[in-house]
């Protein structure tokens, strides 16, 4: 899908779903999945930083505190930060709607139309 998007929709930006990233992170890491401070730190990195500098400090702090600097999943996630970090996506308009909200709104709109057609 990631390879097809720029070909089919050349003027769009492919983003990763924050909800799925959170779910993947907390299901992968045993003890951390029940650690509310980890969840809060991770969520702040995903969508709570106002600029790139704050994001970098937040990310580094989380990696250090939870000893994740050598974790391959987090290394890969960091390499894709431009696809998910809200602090790094301030250069395009999104009405502050996050990807899951877009999907839910679209599904609701489509579902409503389908329901009306069946009636």
C-alpha atoms as a PDB file:
ATOM      1  CA  UNK A   1       0.000   0.000   0.000  1.00  0.00           C
ATOM      2  CA  UNK A   2       2.782   2.435   0.922  1.00  0.00           C
ATOM      3  CA  UNK A   3       4.404   1.968  -2.496  1.00  0.00           C
ATOM      4  CA  UNK A   4       1.103   2.341  -4.373  1.00  0.00           C
ATOM      5  CA  UNK A   5      -0.126   5.526  -2.686  1.00  0.00           C
ATOM      6  CA  UNK A   6       2.367   7.947  -4.304  1.00  0.00           C
ATOM      7  CA  UNK A   7       1.705   6.369  -7.707  1.00  0.00           C
ATOM      8  CA  UNK A   8      -2.076   6.477  -7.491  1.00  0.00           C
ATOM      9  CA  UNK A   9      -2.368   9.662  -5.407  1.00  0.00           C
ATOM     10  CA  UNK A  10       0.809  11.630  -6.184  1.00  0.00           C
ATOM     11  CA  UNK A  11      -0.227  14.777  -4.276  1.00  0.00           C
ATOM     12  CA  UNK A  12      -1.110  13.029  -1.033  1.00  0.00           C
ATOM     13  CA  UNK A  13       0.825  12.028   2.034  1.00  0.00           C
ATOM     14  CA  UNK A  14       0.697   8.500   3.435  1.00  0.00           C
ATOM     15  CA  UNK A  15       0.401   8.547   7.219  1.00  0.00           C
ATOM     16  CA  UNK A  16       0.441   5.762   9.773  1.00  0.00           C
ATOM     17  CA  UNK A  17      -2.508   5.319  12.100  1.00  0.00           C
ATOM     18  CA  UNK A  18      -1.662   6.472  15.627  1.00  0.00           C
ATOM     19  CA  UNK A  19      -4.210   4.127  17.189  1.00  0.00           C
ATOM     20  CA  UNK A  20      -2.552   1.125  15.543  1.00  0.00           C
ATOM     21  CA  UNK A  21       0.908   2.297  16.620  1.00  0.00           C
ATOM     22  CA  UNK A  22      -0.252   2.541  20.227  1.00  0.00           C
ATOM     23  CA  UNK A  23      -1.858  -0.896  20.074  1.00  0.00           C
ATOM     24  CA  UNK A  24       1.278  -2.434  18.546  1.00  0.00           C
ATOM     25  CA  UNK A  25       3.557  -0.838  21.121  1.00  0.00           C
ATOM     26  CA  UNK A  26       1.592  -1.902  24.175  1.00  0.00           C
ATOM     27  CA  UNK A  27       1.002  -5.447  22.952  1.00  0.00           C
ATOM     28  CA  UNK A  28       4.674  -6.035  22.129  1.00  0.00           C
ATOM     29  CA  UNK A  29       6.268  -5.077  25.408  1.00  0.00           C
ATOM     30  CA  UNK A  30       5.167  -7.301  28.282  1.00  0.00           C
ATOM     31  CA  UNK A  31       5.481  -5.198  31.427  1.00  0.00           C
ATOM     32  CA  UNK A  32       5.160  -1.916  29.543  1.00  0.00           C
ATOM     33  CA  UNK A  33       1.685  -2.756  28.284  1.00  0.00           C
ATOM     34  CA  UNK A  34       0.330  -2.258  31.799  1.00  0.00           C
ATOM     35  CA  UNK A  35       2.522   0.766  32.587  1.00  0.00           C
ATOM     36  CA  UNK A  36       0.391   3.890  32.334  1.00  0.00           C
ATOM     37  CA  UNK A  37       3.450   6.167  32.452  1.00  0.00           C
ATOM     38  CA  UNK A  38       4.864   4.411  29.378  1.00  0.00           C
ATOM     39  CA  UNK A  39       1.562   4.761  27.553  1.00  0.00           C
ATOM     40  CA  UNK A  40       1.437   8.464  28.421  1.00  0.00           C
ATOM     41  CA  UNK A  41       5.043   9.030  27.283  1.00  0.00           C
ATOM     42  CA  UNK A  42       4.466   7.146  24.039  1.00  0.00           C
ATOM     43  CA  UNK A  43       1.223   8.999  23.346  1.00  0.00           C
ATOM     44  CA  UNK A  44       2.971  12.319  23.963  1.00  0.00           C
ATOM     45  CA  UNK A  45       5.627  11.383  21.399  1.00  0.00           C
ATOM     46  CA  UNK A  46       2.942  10.423  18.907  1.00  0.00           C
ATOM     47  CA  UNK A  47       0.720  13.456  19.131  1.00  0.00           C
ATOM     48  CA  UNK A  48       1.533  15.669  22.100  1.00  0.00           C
ATOM     49  CA  UNK A  49       4.633  17.548  20.946  1.00  0.00           C
ATOM     50  CA  UNK A  50       4.332  20.983  19.393  1.00  0.00           C
ATOM     51  CA  UNK A  51       7.515  20.934  17.325  1.00  0.00           C
ATOM     52  CA  UNK A  52      10.342  18.697  16.182  1.00  0.00           C
ATOM     53  CA  UNK A  53      12.725  19.770  18.951  1.00  0.00           C
ATOM     54  CA  UNK A  54      10.206  18.870  21.652  1.00  0.00           C
ATOM     55  CA  UNK A  55       9.499  15.578  19.884  1.00  0.00           C
ATOM     56  CA  UNK A  56      13.210  14.662  19.836  1.00  0.00           C
ATOM     57  CA  UNK A  57      13.597  15.401  23.563  1.00  0.00           C
ATOM     58  CA  UNK A  58      10.427  13.462  24.384  1.00  0.00           C
ATOM     59  CA  UNK A  59      11.456  10.475  22.231  1.00  0.00           C
ATOM     60  CA  UNK A  60      14.984  10.334  23.637  1.00  0.00           C
ATOM     61  CA  UNK A  61      13.690  10.574  27.192  1.00  0.00           C
ATOM     62  CA  UNK A  62      11.240   7.715  26.604  1.00  0.00           C
ATOM     63  CA  UNK A  63      13.888   5.536  24.933  1.00  0.00           C
ATOM     64  CA  UNK A  64      16.268   6.101  27.855  1.00  0.00           C
ATOM     65  CA  UNK A  65      13.738   5.729  30.676  1.00  0.00           C
ATOM     66  CA  UNK A  66      12.291   2.465  29.334  1.00  0.00           C
ATOM     67  CA  UNK A  67      15.598   1.093  27.983  1.00  0.00           C
ATOM     68  CA  UNK A  68      14.323   0.877  24.416  1.00  0.00           C
ATOM     69  CA  UNK A  69      17.296   2.380  22.547  1.00  0.00           C
ATOM     70  CA  UNK A  70      18.311  -1.017  21.133  1.00  0.00           C
ATOM     71  CA  UNK A  71      14.809  -2.261  20.381  1.00  0.00           C
ATOM     72  CA  UNK A  72      14.447  -2.917  16.641  1.00  0.00           C
ATOM     73  CA  UNK A  73      10.714  -2.090  16.526  1.00  0.00           C
ATOM     74  CA  UNK A  74      11.246   1.338  18.101  1.00  0.00           C
ATOM     75  CA  UNK A  75      14.255   1.985  15.858  1.00  0.00           C
ATOM     76  CA  UNK A  76      12.112   1.268  12.799  1.00  0.00           C
ATOM     77  CA  UNK A  77       9.266   3.368  14.164  1.00  0.00           C
ATOM     78  CA  UNK A  78      11.648   6.283  14.681  1.00  0.00           C
ATOM     79  CA  UNK A  79      12.908   5.964  11.099  1.00  0.00           C
ATOM     80  CA  UNK A  80       9.283   6.422   9.969  1.00  0.00           C
ATOM     81  CA  UNK A  81       8.562   9.359  12.293  1.00  0.00           C
ATOM     82  CA  UNK A  82       7.645  11.641   9.383  1.00  0.00           C
ATOM     83  CA  UNK A  83       4.685   9.320   8.700  1.00  0.00           C
ATOM     84  CA  UNK A  84       3.147   9.495  12.166  1.00  0.00           C
ATOM     85  CA  UNK A  85       4.491  12.279  14.384  1.00  0.00           C
ATOM     86  CA  UNK A  86       2.030  15.163  14.506  1.00  0.00           C
ATOM     87  CA  UNK A  87       4.932  17.465  15.434  1.00  0.00           C
ATOM     88  CA  UNK A  88       6.496  16.693  12.050  1.00  0.00           C
ATOM     89  CA  UNK A  89       3.349  17.175  10.004  1.00  0.00           C
ATOM     90  CA  UNK A  90       2.487  20.775  10.679  1.00  0.00           C
ATOM     91  CA  UNK A  91       3.210  21.730   7.072  1.00  0.00           C
ATOM     92  CA  UNK A  92      -0.100  20.474   5.693  1.00  0.00           C
ATOM     93  CA  UNK A  93      -3.739  21.108   6.514  1.00  0.00           C
ATOM     94  CA  UNK A  94      -5.697  18.320   8.182  1.00  0.00           C
ATOM     95  CA  UNK A  95      -8.206  20.276  10.286  1.00  0.00           C
ATOM     96  CA  UNK A  96      -6.492  18.613  13.274  1.00  0.00           C
ATOM     97  CA  UNK A  97      -8.347  15.403  12.462  1.00  0.00           C
ATOM     98  CA  UNK A  98      -6.232  12.327  13.132  1.00  0.00           C
ATOM     99  CA  UNK A  99      -6.307   9.356  10.713  1.00  0.00           C
ATOM    100  CA  UNK A 100      -8.622   7.146  12.844  1.00  0.00           C
ATOM    101  CA  UNK A 101     -11.112   9.999  13.036  1.00  0.00           C
ATOM    102  CA  UNK A 102     -11.034  10.384   9.249  1.00  0.00           C
ATOM    103  CA  UNK A 103     -11.731   6.672   8.809  1.00  0.00           C
ATOM    104  CA  UNK A 104     -14.535   6.653  11.364  1.00  0.00           C
ATOM    105  CA  UNK A 105     -16.128   9.746   9.812  1.00  0.00           C
ATOM    106  CA  UNK A 106     -15.880   8.243   6.323  1.00  0.00           C
ATOM    107  CA  UNK A 107     -17.275   4.900   7.486  1.00  0.00           C
ATOM    108  CA  UNK A 108     -20.128   6.683   9.227  1.00  0.00           C
ATOM    109  CA  UNK A 109     -20.938   8.744   6.127  1.00  0.00           C
ATOM    110  CA  UNK A 110     -20.804   5.716   3.833  1.00  0.00           C
ATOM    111  CA  UNK A 111     -22.793   3.613   6.299  1.00  0.00           C
ATOM    112  CA  UNK A 112     -25.470   6.301   6.529  1.00  0.00           C
ATOM    113  CA  UNK A 113     -25.841   6.470   2.737  1.00  0.00           C
ATOM    114  CA  UNK A 114     -26.054   2.686   2.444  1.00  0.00           C
ATOM    115  CA  UNK A 115     -28.699   2.555   5.146  1.00  0.00           C
ATOM    116  CA  UNK A 116     -30.774   5.225   3.358  1.00  0.00           C
ATOM    117  CA  UNK A 117     -30.575   3.334   0.048  1.00  0.00           C
ATOM    118  CA  UNK A 118     -31.846   0.137   1.629  1.00  0.00           C
ATOM    119  CA  UNK A 119     -34.885   1.831   3.183  1.00  0.00           C
END
